[in-house]
Amino acid sequence: MSELGKPFRDGEVIVQQGDTGDCMYVVQKGKVEVLTAKGGADLRLAVLGEGDFFGEMALFEREVRSATVRALGDVWVLTLEKKSFLRKVQEDPSLAFRILEKMSHRIRELDIALEEAAARRSAR
């Protein structure tokens, strides 16, 4: 596996909700789960696998992490800081498009979930 990445063991936290971040991550091997804390419990938002990325919002704004990401089994993750990201985008501009495409997809899924939640509330 690439020497640029870092291994994580099952259950190990890679990103903690509420922490400040300055890099994104790419799953090179294995799977991770994306969780958010709600009412004292963890709610699973997604499971990501090889080639998927997370933490990309930290490259665009200096806000706290919106979710916790934890290893599901043994995982190998590449860390990509803003400077490296910008260099890679210069080398391959389609990388920026792919990330924007994924972010757009996530926003669309969030919109659908919000509409469904609003519909359930109004049905009560």
PDB file of N, CA and C in Angstrom:
ATOM      1  N   MET A   1       0.851  -1.189   0.000  1.00  0.00           N
ATOM      2  CA  MET A   1       0.000   0.000   0.000  1.00  0.00           C
ATOM      3  C   MET A   1       0.885   1.236   0.000  1.00  0.00           C
ATOM      4  N   SER A   2       0.353   2.332  -0.431  1.00  0.00           N
ATOM      5  CA  SER A   2       1.103   3.582  -0.549  1.00  0.00           C
ATOM      6  C   SER A   2       1.708   4.010   0.782  1.00  0.00           C
ATOM      7  N   GLU A   3       2.943   4.494   0.728  1.00  0.00           N
ATOM      8  CA  GLU A   3       3.600   4.995   1.932  1.00  0.00           C
ATOM      9  C   GLU A   3       3.047   6.359   2.331  1.00  0.00           C
ATOM     10  N   LEU A   4       2.276   6.987   1.442  1.00  0.00           N
ATOM     11  CA  LEU A   4       1.723   8.306   1.729  1.00  0.00           C
ATOM     12  C   LEU A   4       0.525   8.226   2.676  1.00  0.00           C
ATOM     13  N   GLY A   5      -0.108   7.075   2.745  1.00  0.00           N
ATOM     14  CA  GLY A   5      -1.294   6.914   3.567  1.00  0.00           C
ATOM     15  C   GLY A   5      -0.968   6.531   4.992  1.00  0.00           C
ATOM     16  N   LYS A   6      -2.037   6.339   5.758  1.00  0.00           N
ATOM     17  CA  LYS A   6      -1.884   5.965   7.158  1.00  0.00           C
ATOM     18  C   LYS A   6      -2.904   4.878   7.488  1.00  0.00           C
ATOM     19  N   PRO A   7      -2.484   3.851   8.235  1.00  0.00           N
ATOM     20  CA  PRO A   7      -3.426   2.789   8.599  1.00  0.00           C
ATOM     21  C   PRO A   7      -4.235   3.170   9.844  1.00  0.00           C
ATOM     22  N   PHE A   8      -5.466   2.695   9.879  1.00  0.00           N
ATOM     23  CA  PHE A   8      -6.338   2.820  11.045  1.00  0.00           C
ATOM     24  C   PHE A   8      -6.952   1.455  11.309  1.00  0.00           C
ATOM     25  N   ARG A   9      -7.116   1.142  12.587  1.00  0.00           N
ATOM     26  CA  ARG A   9      -7.707  -0.145  12.975  1.00  0.00           C
ATOM     27  C   ARG A   9      -9.201  -0.010  13.201  1.00  0.00           C
ATOM     28  N   ASP A  10      -9.880  -1.127  13.208  1.00  0.00           N
ATOM     29  CA  ASP A  10     -11.329  -1.166  13.394  1.00  0.00           C
ATOM     30  C   ASP A  10     -11.755  -0.331  14.600  1.00  0.00           C
ATOM     31  N   GLY A  11     -12.691   0.590  14.372  1.00  0.00           N
ATOM     32  CA  GLY A  11     -13.220   1.415  15.448  1.00  0.00           C
ATOM     33  C   GLY A  11     -12.419   2.668  15.752  1.00  0.00           C
ATOM     34  N   GLU A  12     -11.245   2.798  15.160  1.00  0.00           N
ATOM     35  CA  GLU A  12     -10.412   3.966  15.424  1.00  0.00           C
ATOM     36  C   GLU A  12     -11.007   5.203  14.741  1.00  0.00           C
ATOM     37  N   VAL A  13     -11.030   6.327  15.477  1.00  0.00           N
ATOM     38  CA  VAL A  13     -11.564   7.577  14.953  1.00  0.00           C
ATOM     39  C   VAL A  13     -10.510   8.253  14.082  1.00  0.00           C
ATOM     40  N   ILE A  14     -10.891   8.604  12.860  1.00  0.00           N
ATOM     41  CA  ILE A  14     -10.008   9.285  11.921  1.00  0.00           C
ATOM     42  C   ILE A  14     -10.240  10.791  12.003  1.00  0.00           C
ATOM     43  N   VAL A  15     -11.501  11.176  12.066  1.00  0.00           N
ATOM     44  CA  VAL A  15     -11.920  12.572  12.181  1.00  0.00           C
ATOM     45  C   VAL A  15     -12.966  12.643  13.278  1.00  0.00           C
ATOM     46  N   GLN A  16     -12.857  13.625  14.155  1.00  0.00           N
ATOM     47  CA  GLN A  16     -13.806  13.785  15.267  1.00  0.00           C
ATOM     48  C   GLN A  16     -14.702  15.003  15.027  1.00  0.00           C
ATOM     49  N   GLN A  17     -16.012  14.786  15.115  1.00  0.00           N
ATOM     50  CA  GLN A  17     -16.967  15.878  14.985  1.00  0.00           C
ATOM     51  C   GLN A  17     -16.616  16.975  15.992  1.00  0.00           C
ATOM     52  N   GLY A  18     -16.625  18.224  15.535  1.00  0.00           N
ATOM     53  CA  GLY A  18     -16.322  19.352  16.404  1.00  0.00           C
ATOM     54  C   GLY A  18     -14.873  19.804  16.369  1.00  0.00           C
ATOM     55  N   ASP A  19     -13.975  18.948  15.872  1.00  0.00           N
ATOM     56  CA  ASP A  19     -12.570  19.343  15.749  1.00  0.00           C
ATOM     57  C   ASP A  19     -12.389  20.254  14.540  1.00  0.00           C
ATOM     58  N   THR A  20     -11.367  21.098  14.585  1.00  0.00           N
ATOM     59  CA  THR A  20     -11.026  21.926  13.433  1.00  0.00           C
ATOM     60  C   THR A  20     -10.141  21.111  12.515  1.00  0.00           C
ATOM     61  N   GLY A  21     -10.391  21.210  11.208  1.00  0.00           N
ATOM     62  CA  GLY A  21      -9.602  20.447  10.255  1.00  0.00           C
ATOM     63  C   GLY A  21      -8.973  21.333   9.207  1.00  0.00           C
ATOM     64  N   ASP A  22      -7.895  20.838   8.591  1.00  0.00           N
ATOM     65  CA  ASP A  22      -7.252  21.575   7.509  1.00  0.00           C
ATOM     66  C   ASP A  22      -6.852  20.653   6.365  1.00  0.00           C
ATOM     67  N   CYS A  23      -7.449  19.447   6.336  1.00  0.00           N
ATOM     68  CA  CYS A  23      -7.128  18.501   5.278  1.00  0.00           C
ATOM     69  C   CYS A  23      -8.337  17.628   4.973  1.00  0.00           C
ATOM     70  N   MET A  24      -8.267  16.953   3.838  1.00  0.00           N
ATOM     71  CA  MET A  24      -9.284  15.976   3.486  1.00  0.00           C
ATOM     72  C   MET A  24      -8.623  14.599   3.447  1.00  0.00           C
ATOM     73  N   TYR A  25      -9.424  13.576   3.307  1.00  0.00           N
ATOM     74  CA  TYR A  25      -8.929  12.201   3.337  1.00  0.00           C
ATOM     75  C   TYR A  25      -9.515  11.408   2.184  1.00  0.00           C
ATOM     76  N   VAL A  26      -8.726  10.463   1.673  1.00  0.00           N
ATOM     77  CA  VAL A  26      -9.174   9.560   0.624  1.00  0.00           C
ATOM     78  C   VAL A  26      -8.999   8.135   1.135  1.00  0.00           C
ATOM     79  N   VAL A  27     -10.050   7.336   1.063  1.00  0.00           N
ATOM     80  CA  VAL A  27      -9.985   5.940   1.495  1.00  0.00           C
ATOM     81  C   VAL A  27      -9.265   5.152   0.404  1.00  0.00           C
ATOM     82  N   GLN A  28      -8.115   4.607   0.746  1.00  0.00           N
ATOM     83  CA  GLN A  28      -7.339   3.825  -0.215  1.00  0.00           C
ATOM     84  C   GLN A  28      -7.651   2.333  -0.114  1.00  0.00           C
ATOM     85  N   LYS A  29      -7.989   1.891   1.094  1.00  0.00           N
ATOM     86  CA  LYS A  29      -8.286   0.474   1.313  1.00  0.00           C
ATOM     87  C   LYS A  29      -9.235   0.364   2.492  1.00  0.00           C
ATOM     88  N   GLY A  30     -10.253  -0.467   2.367  1.00  0.00           N
ATOM     89  CA  GLY A  30     -11.192  -0.681   3.459  1.00  0.00           C
ATOM     90  C   GLY A  30     -12.395   0.240   3.405  1.00  0.00           C
ATOM     91  N   LYS A  31     -13.085   0.330   4.562  1.00  0.00           N
ATOM     92  CA  LYS A  31     -14.302   1.136   4.658  1.00  0.00           C
ATOM     93  C   LYS A  31     -14.297   1.945   5.942  1.00  0.00           C
ATOM     94  N   VAL A  32     -14.988   3.096   5.887  1.00  0.00           N
ATOM     95  CA  VAL A  32     -15.159   3.949   7.058  1.00  0.00           C
ATOM     96  C   VAL A  32     -16.650   4.267   7.196  1.00  0.00           C
ATOM     97  N   GLU A  33     -17.048   4.607   8.420  1.00  0.00           N
ATOM     98  CA  GLU A  33     -18.421   5.055   8.622  1.00  0.00           C
ATOM     99  C   GLU A  33     -18.400   6.515   9.051  1.00  0.00           C
ATOM    100  N   VAL A  34     -19.387   7.259   8.543  1.00  0.00           N
ATOM    101  CA  VAL A  34     -19.540   8.671   8.856  1.00  0.00           C
ATOM    102  C   VAL A  34     -20.692   8.788   9.837  1.00  0.00           C
ATOM    103  N   LEU A  35     -20.415   9.379  11.001  1.00  0.00           N
ATOM    104  CA  LEU A  35     -21.398   9.443  12.086  1.00  0.00           C
ATOM    105  C   LEU A  35     -21.611  10.879  12.544  1.00  0.00           C
ATOM    106  N   THR A  36     -22.814  11.157  13.033  1.00  0.00           N
ATOM    107  CA  THR A  36     -23.070  12.439  13.672  1.00  0.00           C
ATOM    108  C   THR A  36     -23.709  12.158  15.027  1.00  0.00           C
ATOM    109  N   ALA A  37     -23.351  12.964  16.006  1.00  0.00           N
ATOM    110  CA  ALA A  37     -23.899  12.798  17.360  1.00  0.00           C
ATOM    111  C   ALA A  37     -25.245  13.495  17.434  1.00  0.00           C
ATOM    112  N   LYS A  38     -26.272  12.745  17.785  1.00  0.00           N
ATOM    113  CA  LYS A  38     -27.622  13.290  17.936  1.00  0.00           C
ATOM    114  C   LYS A  38     -28.234  12.741  19.213  1.00  0.00           C
ATOM    115  N   GLY A  39     -28.531  13.618  20.144  1.00  0.00           N
ATOM    116  CA  GLY A  39     -29.190  13.198  21.372  1.00  0.00           C
ATOM    117  C   GLY A  39     -28.432  12.154  22.156  1.00  0.00           C
ATOM    118  N   GLY A  40     -27.108  12.271  22.182  1.00  0.00           N
ATOM    119  CA  GLY A  40     -26.301  11.334  22.949  1.00  0.00           C
ATOM    120  C   GLY A  40     -25.992  10.030  22.238  1.00  0.00           C
ATOM    121  N   ALA A  41     -26.509   9.859  21.015  1.00  0.00           N
ATOM    122  CA  ALA A  41     -26.252   8.632  20.256  1.00  0.00           C
ATOM    123  C   ALA A  41     -25.597   8.992  18.920  1.00  0.00           C
ATOM    124  N   ASP A  42     -24.882   8.034  18.351  1.00  0.00           N
ATOM    125  CA  ASP A  42     -24.275   8.232  17.035  1.00  0.00           C
ATOM    126  C   ASP A  42     -25.247   7.765  15.956  1.00  0.00           C
ATOM    127  N   LEU A  43     -25.502   8.636  14.992  1.00  0.00           N
ATOM    128  CA  LEU A  43     -26.356   8.321  13.852  1.00  0.00           C
ATOM    129  C   LEU A  43     -25.456   8.142  12.639  1.00  0.00           C
ATOM    130  N   ARG A  44     -25.536   6.976  11.988  1.00  0.00           N
ATOM    131  CA  ARG A  44     -24.695   6.712  10.821  1.00  0.00           C
ATOM    132  C   ARG A  44     -25.268   7.433   9.610  1.00  0.00           C
ATOM    133  N   LEU A  45     -24.436   8.262   9.005  1.00  0.00           N
ATOM    134  CA  LEU A  45     -24.835   9.009   7.818  1.00  0.00           C
ATOM    135  C   LEU A  45     -24.456   8.296   6.534  1.00  0.00           C
ATOM    136  N   ALA A  46     -23.317   7.595   6.565  1.00  0.00           N
ATOM    137  CA  ALA A  46     -22.838   6.936   5.345  1.00  0.00           C
ATOM    138  C   ALA A  46     -21.741   5.945   5.668  1.00  0.00           C
ATOM    139  N   VAL A  47     -21.527   5.037   4.744  1.00  0.00           N
ATOM    140  CA  VAL A  47     -20.360   4.145   4.749  1.00  0.00           C
ATOM    141  C   VAL A  47     -19.620   4.433   3.454  1.00  0.00           C
ATOM    142  N   LEU A  48     -18.332   4.728   3.570  1.00  0.00           N
ATOM    143  CA  LEU A  48     -17.506   5.054   2.412  1.00  0.00           C
ATOM    144  C   LEU A  48     -16.455   3.980   2.200  1.00  0.00           C
ATOM    145  N   GLY A  49     -16.114   3.723   0.941  1.00  0.00           N
ATOM    146  CA  GLY A  49     -15.127   2.702   0.611  1.00  0.00           C
ATOM    147  C   GLY A  49     -14.000   3.249  -0.236  1.00  0.00           C
ATOM    148  N   GLU A  50     -13.249   2.338  -0.822  1.00  0.00           N
ATOM    149  CA  GLU A  50     -12.067   2.694  -1.600  1.00  0.00           C
ATOM    150  C   GLU A  50     -12.395   3.734  -2.672  1.00  0.00           C
ATOM    151  N   GLY A  51     -11.581   4.781  -2.717  1.00  0.00           N
ATOM    152  CA  GLY A  51     -11.767   5.840  -3.694  1.00  0.00           C
ATOM    153  C   GLY A  51     -12.656   6.970  -3.207  1.00  0.00           C
ATOM    154  N   ASP A  52     -13.428   6.728  -2.153  1.00  0.00           N
ATOM    155  CA  ASP A  52     -14.276   7.778  -1.596  1.00  0.00           C
ATOM    156  C   ASP A  52     -13.427   8.721  -0.761  1.00  0.00           C
ATOM    157  N   PHE A  53     -13.936   9.923  -0.552  1.00  0.00           N
ATOM    158  CA  PHE A  53     -13.214  10.917   0.231  1.00  0.00           C
ATOM    159  C   PHE A  53     -14.138  11.545   1.250  1.00  0.00           C
ATOM    160  N   PHE A  54     -13.532  12.165   2.254  1.00  0.00           N
ATOM    161  CA  PHE A  54     -14.284  12.875   3.282  1.00  0.00           C
ATOM    162  C   PHE A  54     -13.417  13.983   3.848  1.00  0.00           C
ATOM    163  N   GLY A  55     -14.065  14.926   4.531  1.00  0.00           N
ATOM    164  CA  GLY A  55     -13.334  16.031   5.132  1.00  0.00           C
ATOM    165  C   GLY A  55     -12.981  17.132   4.159  1.00  0.00           C
ATOM    166  N   GLU A  56     -13.518  17.062   2.944  1.00  0.00           N
ATOM    167  CA  GLU A  56     -13.147  18.031   1.911  1.00  0.00           C
ATOM    168  C   GLU A  56     -13.575  19.459   2.238  1.00  0.00           C
ATOM    169  N   MET A  57     -14.591  19.629   3.061  1.00  0.00           N
ATOM    170  CA  MET A  57     -15.032  20.987   3.401  1.00  0.00           C
ATOM    171  C   MET A  57     -13.930  21.765   4.113  1.00  0.00           C
ATOM    172  N   ALA A  58     -13.040  21.064   4.803  1.00  0.00           N
ATOM    173  CA  ALA A  58     -11.941  21.726   5.518  1.00  0.00           C
ATOM    174  C   ALA A  58     -10.971  22.421   4.562  1.00  0.00           C
ATOM    175  N   LEU A  59     -10.958  22.009   3.287  1.00  0.00           N
ATOM    176  CA  LEU A  59     -10.088  22.661   2.314  1.00  0.00           C
ATOM    177  C   LEU A  59     -10.638  24.015   1.888  1.00  0.00           C
ATOM    178  N   PHE A  60     -11.940  24.205   2.056  1.00  0.00           N
ATOM    179  CA  PHE A  60     -12.600  25.403   1.568  1.00  0.00           C
ATOM    180  C   PHE A  60     -12.941  26.402   2.670  1.00  0.00           C
ATOM    181  N   GLU A  61     -13.101  25.913   3.882  1.00  0.00           N
ATOM    182  CA  GLU A  61     -13.446  26.795   4.994  1.00  0.00           C
ATOM    183  C   GLU A  61     -12.883  26.241   6.287  1.00  0.00           C
ATOM    184  N   ARG A  62     -12.550  27.123   7.199  1.00  0.00           N
ATOM    185  CA  ARG A  62     -11.954  26.710   8.473  1.00  0.00           C
ATOM    186  C   ARG A  62     -13.039  26.570   9.533  1.00  0.00           C
ATOM    187  N   GLU A  63     -13.940  25.662   9.328  1.00  0.00           N
ATOM    188  CA  GLU A  63     -15.006  25.383  10.274  1.00  0.00           C
ATOM    189  C   GLU A  63     -14.699  24.049  10.963  1.00  0.00           C
ATOM    190  N   VAL A  64     -15.445  23.760  12.011  1.00  0.00           N
ATOM    191  CA  VAL A  64     -15.255  22.490  12.706  1.00  0.00           C
ATOM    192  C   VAL A  64     -15.821  21.344  11.873  1.00  0.00           C
ATOM    193  N   ARG A  65     -15.305  20.163  12.123  1.00  0.00           N
ATOM    194  CA  ARG A  65     -15.766  18.967  11.422  1.00  0.00           C
ATOM    195  C   ARG A  65     -17.238  18.727  11.739  1.00  0.00           C
ATOM    196  N   SER A  66     -18.018  18.432  10.713  1.00  0.00           N
ATOM    197  CA  SER A  66     -19.461  18.261  10.880  1.00  0.00           C
ATOM    198  C   SER A  66     -19.845  16.834  11.253  1.00  0.00           C
ATOM    199  N   ALA A  67     -18.892  15.916  11.220  1.00  0.00           N
ATOM    200  CA  ALA A  67     -19.184  14.517  11.534  1.00  0.00           C
ATOM    201  C   ALA A  67     -17.916  13.820  12.025  1.00  0.00           C
ATOM    202  N   THR A  68     -18.127  12.673  12.644  1.00  0.00           N
ATOM    203  CA  THR A  68     -17.026  11.792  13.037  1.00  0.00           C
ATOM    204  C   THR A  68     -16.887  10.719  11.968  1.00  0.00           C
ATOM    205  N   VAL A  69     -15.659  10.366  11.636  1.00  0.00           N
ATOM    206  CA  VAL A  69     -15.408   9.280  10.693  1.00  0.00           C
ATOM    207  C   VAL A  69     -14.566   8.242  11.410  1.00  0.00           C
ATOM    208  N   ARG A  70     -15.054   6.993  11.370  1.00  0.00           N
ATOM    209  CA  ARG A  70     -14.428   5.904  12.122  1.00  0.00           C
ATOM    210  C   ARG A  70     -14.172   4.718  11.197  1.00  0.00           C
ATOM    211  N   ALA A  71     -13.059   4.034  11.419  1.00  0.00           N
ATOM    212  CA  ALA A  71     -12.686   2.872  10.610  1.00  0.00           C
ATOM    213  C   ALA A  71     -13.640   1.705  10.855  1.00  0.00           C
ATOM    214  N   LEU A  72     -14.025   1.046   9.768  1.00  0.00           N
ATOM    215  CA  LEU A  72     -14.788  -0.207   9.829  1.00  0.00           C
ATOM    216  C   LEU A  72     -13.839  -1.309   9.375  1.00  0.00           C
ATOM    217  N   GLY A  73     -13.243  -1.979  10.305  1.00  0.00           N
ATOM    218  CA  GLY A  73     -12.196  -2.931   9.961  1.00  0.00           C
ATOM    219  C   GLY A  73     -10.889  -2.179   9.756  1.00  0.00           C
ATOM    220  N   ASP A  74      -9.916  -2.851   9.186  1.00  0.00           N
ATOM    221  CA  ASP A  74      -8.632  -2.200   8.911  1.00  0.00           C
ATOM    222  C   ASP A  74      -8.775  -1.314   7.678  1.00  0.00           C
ATOM    223  N   VAL A  75      -8.269  -0.091   7.785  1.00  0.00           N
ATOM    224  CA  VAL A  75      -8.436   0.914   6.740  1.00  0.00           C
ATOM    225  C   VAL A  75      -7.092   1.582   6.473  1.00  0.00           C
ATOM    226  N   TRP A  76      -6.883   1.972   5.222  1.00  0.00           N
ATOM    227  CA  TRP A  76      -5.712   2.745   4.839  1.00  0.00           C
ATOM    228  C   TRP A  76      -6.233   4.036   4.218  1.00  0.00           C
ATOM    229  N   VAL A  77      -5.830   5.177   4.780  1.00  0.00           N
ATOM    230  CA  VAL A  77      -6.374   6.473   4.370  1.00  0.00           C
ATOM    231  C   VAL A  77      -5.242   7.434   4.001  1.00  0.00           C
ATOM    232  N   LEU A  78      -5.413   8.111   2.874  1.00  0.00           N
ATOM    233  CA  LEU A  78      -4.470   9.130   2.427  1.00  0.00           C
ATOM    234  C   LEU A  78      -4.948  10.491   2.927  1.00  0.00           C
ATOM    235  N   THR A  79      -4.050  11.271   3.516  1.00  0.00           N
ATOM    236  CA  THR A  79      -4.347  12.632   3.964  1.00  0.00           C
ATOM    237  C   THR A  79      -3.894  13.597   2.879  1.00  0.00           C
ATOM    238  N   LEU A  80      -4.768  14.551   2.550  1.00  0.00           N
ATOM    239  CA  LEU A  80      -4.452  15.522   1.518  1.00  0.00           C
ATOM    240  C   LEU A  80      -4.696  16.923   2.061  1.00  0.00           C
ATOM    241  N   GLU A  81      -3.602  17.657   2.285  1.00  0.00           N
ATOM    242  CA  GLU A  81      -3.700  19.024   2.795  1.00  0.00           C
ATOM    243  C   GLU A  81      -3.982  19.977   1.641  1.00  0.00           C
ATOM    244  N   LYS A  82      -4.410  21.191   1.973  1.00  0.00           N
ATOM    245  CA  LYS A  82      -4.836  22.166   0.961  1.00  0.00           C
ATOM    246  C   LYS A  82      -3.765  22.410  -0.099  1.00  0.00           C
ATOM    247  N   LYS A  83      -2.528  22.593   0.313  1.00  0.00           N
ATOM    248  CA  LYS A  83      -1.435  22.861  -0.622  1.00  0.00           C
ATOM    249  C   LYS A  83      -1.280  21.706  -1.616  1.00  0.00           C
ATOM    250  N   SER A  84      -1.310  20.483  -1.107  1.00  0.00           N
ATOM    251  CA  SER A  84      -1.193  19.304  -1.968  1.00  0.00           C
ATOM    252  C   SER A  84      -2.398  19.182  -2.887  1.00  0.00           C
ATOM    253  N   PHE A  85      -3.580  19.476  -2.344  1.00  0.00           N
ATOM    254  CA  PHE A  85      -4.810  19.423  -3.134  1.00  0.00           C
ATOM    255  C   PHE A  85      -4.719  20.391  -4.315  1.00  0.00           C
ATOM    256  N   LEU A  86      -4.304  21.629  -4.055  1.00  0.00           N
ATOM    257  CA  LEU A  86      -4.210  22.630  -5.116  1.00  0.00           C
ATOM    258  C   LEU A  86      -3.203  22.214  -6.185  1.00  0.00           C
ATOM    259  N   ARG A  87      -2.104  21.626  -5.760  1.00  0.00           N
ATOM    260  CA  ARG A  87      -1.098  21.142  -6.714  1.00  0.00           C
ATOM    261  C   ARG A  87      -1.690  20.021  -7.581  1.00  0.00           C
ATOM    262  N   LYS A  88      -2.419  19.109  -6.949  1.00  0.00           N
ATOM    263  CA  LYS A  88      -3.024  18.003  -7.701  1.00  0.00           C
ATOM    264  C   LYS A  88      -4.081  18.500  -8.675  1.00  0.00           C
ATOM    265  N   VAL A  89      -4.834  19.533  -8.285  1.00  0.00           N
ATOM    266  CA  VAL A  89      -5.845  20.105  -9.170  1.00  0.00           C
ATOM    267  C   VAL A  89      -5.176  20.748 -10.383  1.00  0.00           C
ATOM    268  N   GLN A  90      -4.017  21.389 -10.183  1.00  0.00           N
ATOM    269  CA  GLN A  90      -3.281  21.957 -11.320  1.00  0.00           C
ATOM    270  C   GLN A  90      -2.826  20.862 -12.272  1.00  0.00           C
ATOM    271  N   GLU A  91      -2.399  19.726 -11.721  1.00  0.00           N
ATOM    272  CA  GLU A  91      -1.943  18.601 -12.537  1.00  0.00           C
ATOM    273  C   GLU A  91      -3.107  17.927 -13.258  1.00  0.00           C
ATOM    274  N   ASP A  92      -4.259  17.853 -12.577  1.00  0.00           N
ATOM    275  CA  ASP A  92      -5.435  17.173 -13.120  1.00  0.00           C
ATOM    276  C   ASP A  92      -6.690  17.956 -12.743  1.00  0.00           C
ATOM    277  N   PRO A  93      -7.069  18.956 -13.570  1.00  0.00           N
ATOM    278  CA  PRO A  93      -8.236  19.780 -13.247  1.00  0.00           C
ATOM    279  C   PRO A  93      -9.534  18.993 -13.076  1.00  0.00           C
ATOM    280  N   SER A  94      -9.611  17.812 -13.665  1.00  0.00           N
ATOM    281  CA  SER A  94     -10.832  17.017 -13.512  1.00  0.00           C
ATOM    282  C   SER A  94     -11.036  16.567 -12.059  1.00  0.00           C
ATOM    283  N   LEU A  95      -9.975  16.584 -11.254  1.00  0.00           N
ATOM    284  CA  LEU A  95     -10.090  16.247  -9.838  1.00  0.00           C
ATOM    285  C   LEU A  95     -11.041  17.219  -9.143  1.00  0.00           C
ATOM    286  N   ALA A  96     -10.897  18.506  -9.411  1.00  0.00           N
ATOM    287  CA  ALA A  96     -11.784  19.512  -8.819  1.00  0.00           C
ATOM    288  C   ALA A  96     -13.227  19.250  -9.240  1.00  0.00           C
ATOM    289  N   PHE A  97     -13.432  18.908 -10.505  1.00  0.00           N
ATOM    290  CA  PHE A  97     -14.785  18.625 -10.979  1.00  0.00           C
ATOM    291  C   PHE A  97     -15.376  17.418 -10.251  1.00  0.00           C
ATOM    292  N   ARG A  98     -14.590  16.365 -10.086  1.00  0.00           N
ATOM    293  CA  ARG A  98     -15.085  15.157  -9.408  1.00  0.00           C
ATOM    294  C   ARG A  98     -15.469  15.455  -7.962  1.00  0.00           C
ATOM    295  N   ILE A  99     -14.684  16.285  -7.289  1.00  0.00           N
ATOM    296  CA  ILE A  99     -15.003  16.633  -5.906  1.00  0.00           C
ATOM    297  C   ILE A  99     -16.268  17.477  -5.849  1.00  0.00           C
ATOM    298  N   LEU A 100     -16.386  18.463  -6.733  1.00  0.00           N
ATOM    299  CA  LEU A 100     -17.606  19.278  -6.775  1.00  0.00           C
ATOM    300  C   LEU A 100     -18.827  18.426  -7.117  1.00  0.00           C
ATOM    301  N   GLU A 101     -18.644  17.472  -8.010  1.00  0.00           N
ATOM    302  CA  GLU A 101     -19.730  16.570  -8.379  1.00  0.00           C
ATOM    303  C   GLU A 101     -20.204  15.766  -7.156  1.00  0.00           C
ATOM    304  N   LYS A 102     -19.259  15.254  -6.386  1.00  0.00           N
ATOM    305  CA  LYS A 102     -19.595  14.478  -5.189  1.00  0.00           C
ATOM    306  C   LYS A 102     -20.263  15.368  -4.138  1.00  0.00           C
ATOM    307  N   MET A 103     -19.743  16.582  -3.954  1.00  0.00           N
ATOM    308  CA  MET A 103     -20.347  17.497  -2.987  1.00  0.00           C
ATOM    309  C   MET A 103     -21.775  17.851  -3.410  1.00  0.00           C
ATOM    310  N   SER A 104     -21.996  18.060  -4.702  1.00  0.00           N
ATOM    311  CA  SER A 104     -23.335  18.353  -5.220  1.00  0.00           C
ATOM    312  C   SER A 104     -24.277  17.183  -4.942  1.00  0.00           C
ATOM    313  N   HIS A 105     -23.786  15.974  -5.152  1.00  0.00           N
ATOM    314  CA  HIS A 105     -24.587  14.767  -4.887  1.00  0.00           C
ATOM    315  C   HIS A 105     -24.962  14.687  -3.409  1.00  0.00           C
ATOM    316  N   ARG A 106     -24.014  14.982  -2.530  1.00  0.00           N
ATOM    317  CA  ARG A 106     -24.288  14.942  -1.090  1.00  0.00           C
ATOM    318  C   ARG A 106     -25.311  15.998  -0.699  1.00  0.00           C
ATOM    319  N   ILE A 107     -25.235  17.189  -1.290  1.00  0.00           N
ATOM    320  CA  ILE A 107     -26.218  18.242  -1.003  1.00  0.00           C
ATOM    321  C   ILE A 107     -27.600  17.815  -1.476  1.00  0.00           C
ATOM    322  N   ARG A 108     -27.685  17.212  -2.651  1.00  0.00           N
ATOM    323  CA  ARG A 108     -28.973  16.730  -3.171  1.00  0.00           C
ATOM    324  C   ARG A 108     -29.569  15.675  -2.227  1.00  0.00           C
ATOM    325  N   GLU A 109     -28.742  14.743  -1.745  1.00  0.00           N
ATOM    326  CA  GLU A 109     -29.226  13.729  -0.798  1.00  0.00           C
ATOM    327  C   GLU A 109     -29.718  14.379   0.489  1.00  0.00           C
ATOM    328  N   LEU A 110     -29.011  15.397   0.952  1.00  0.00           N
ATOM    329  CA  LEU A 110     -29.416  16.116   2.155  1.00  0.00           C
ATOM    330  C   LEU A 110     -30.751  16.824   1.940  1.00  0.00           C
ATOM    331  N   ASP A 111     -30.928  17.444   0.782  1.00  0.00           N
ATOM    332  CA  ASP A 111     -32.197  18.098   0.459  1.00  0.00           C
ATOM    333  C   ASP A 111     -33.356  17.109   0.512  1.00  0.00           C
ATOM    334  N   ILE A 112     -33.155  15.930  -0.061  1.00  0.00           N
ATOM    335  CA  ILE A 112     -34.196  14.898  -0.062  1.00  0.00           C
ATOM    336  C   ILE A 112     -34.517  14.472   1.367  1.00  0.00           C
ATOM    337  N   ALA A 113     -33.481  14.257   2.175  1.00  0.00           N
ATOM    338  CA  ALA A 113     -33.695  13.853   3.568  1.00  0.00           C
ATOM    339  C   ALA A 113     -34.443  14.934   4.344  1.00  0.00           C
ATOM    340  N   LEU A 114     -34.119  16.199   4.101  1.00  0.00           N
ATOM    341  CA  LEU A 114     -34.811  17.291   4.783  1.00  0.00           C
ATOM    342  C   LEU A 114     -36.275  17.369   4.363  1.00  0.00           C
ATOM    343  N   GLU A 115     -36.548  17.180   3.074  1.00  0.00           N
ATOM    344  CA  GLU A 115     -37.930  17.172   2.590  1.00  0.00           C
ATOM    345  C   GLU A 115     -38.723  16.037   3.229  1.00  0.00           C
ATOM    346  N   GLU A 116     -38.116  14.856   3.310  1.00  0.00           N
ATOM    347  CA  GLU A 116     -38.787  13.710   3.926  1.00  0.00           C
ATOM    348  C   GLU A 116     -39.057  13.950   5.401  1.00  0.00           C
ATOM    349  N   ALA A 117     -38.109  14.557   6.111  1.00  0.00           N
ATOM    350  CA  ALA A 117     -38.293  14.872   7.538  1.00  0.00           C
ATOM    351  C   ALA A 117     -39.408  15.896   7.711  1.00  0.00           C
ATOM    352  N   ALA A 118     -39.454  16.897   6.856  1.00  0.00           N
ATOM    353  CA  ALA A 118     -40.509  17.914   6.944  1.00  0.00           C
ATOM    354  C   ALA A 118     -41.871  17.303   6.651  1.00  0.00           C
ATOM    355  N   ALA A 119     -41.940  16.399   5.708  1.00  0.00           N
ATOM    356  CA  ALA A 119     -43.197  15.723   5.382  1.00  0.00           C
ATOM    357  C   ALA A 119     -43.680  14.863   6.547  1.00  0.00           C
ATOM    358  N   ARG A 120     -42.744  14.180   7.230  1.00  0.00           N
ATOM    359  CA  ARG A 120     -43.125  13.356   8.380  1.00  0.00           C
ATOM    360  C   ARG A 120     -43.648  14.239   9.508  1.00  0.00           C
ATOM    361  N   ARG A 121     -43.014  15.394   9.732  1.00  0.00           N
ATOM    362  CA  ARG A 121     -43.448  16.307  10.779  1.00  0.00           C
ATOM    363  C   ARG A 121     -44.829  16.857  10.499  1.00  0.00           C
ATOM    364  N   SER A 122     -45.098  17.226   9.249  1.00  0.00           N
ATOM    365  CA  SER A 122     -46.400  17.814   8.930  1.00  0.00           C
ATOM    366  C   SER A 122     -47.504  16.761   8.910  1.00  0.00           C
ATOM    367  N   ALA A 123     -47.140  15.477   8.776  1.00  0.00           N
ATOM    368  CA  ALA A 123     -48.125  14.393   8.767  1.00  0.00           C
ATOM    369  C   ALA A 123     -48.590  14.042  10.184  1.00  0.00           C
ATOM    370  N   ARG A 124     -47.886  14.527  11.200  1.00  0.00           N
ATOM    371  CA  ARG A 124     -48.245  14.185  12.584  1.00  0.00           C
ATOM    372  C   ARG A 124     -49.485  14.896  13.033  1.00  0.00           C
TER     373      ARG A 124
END
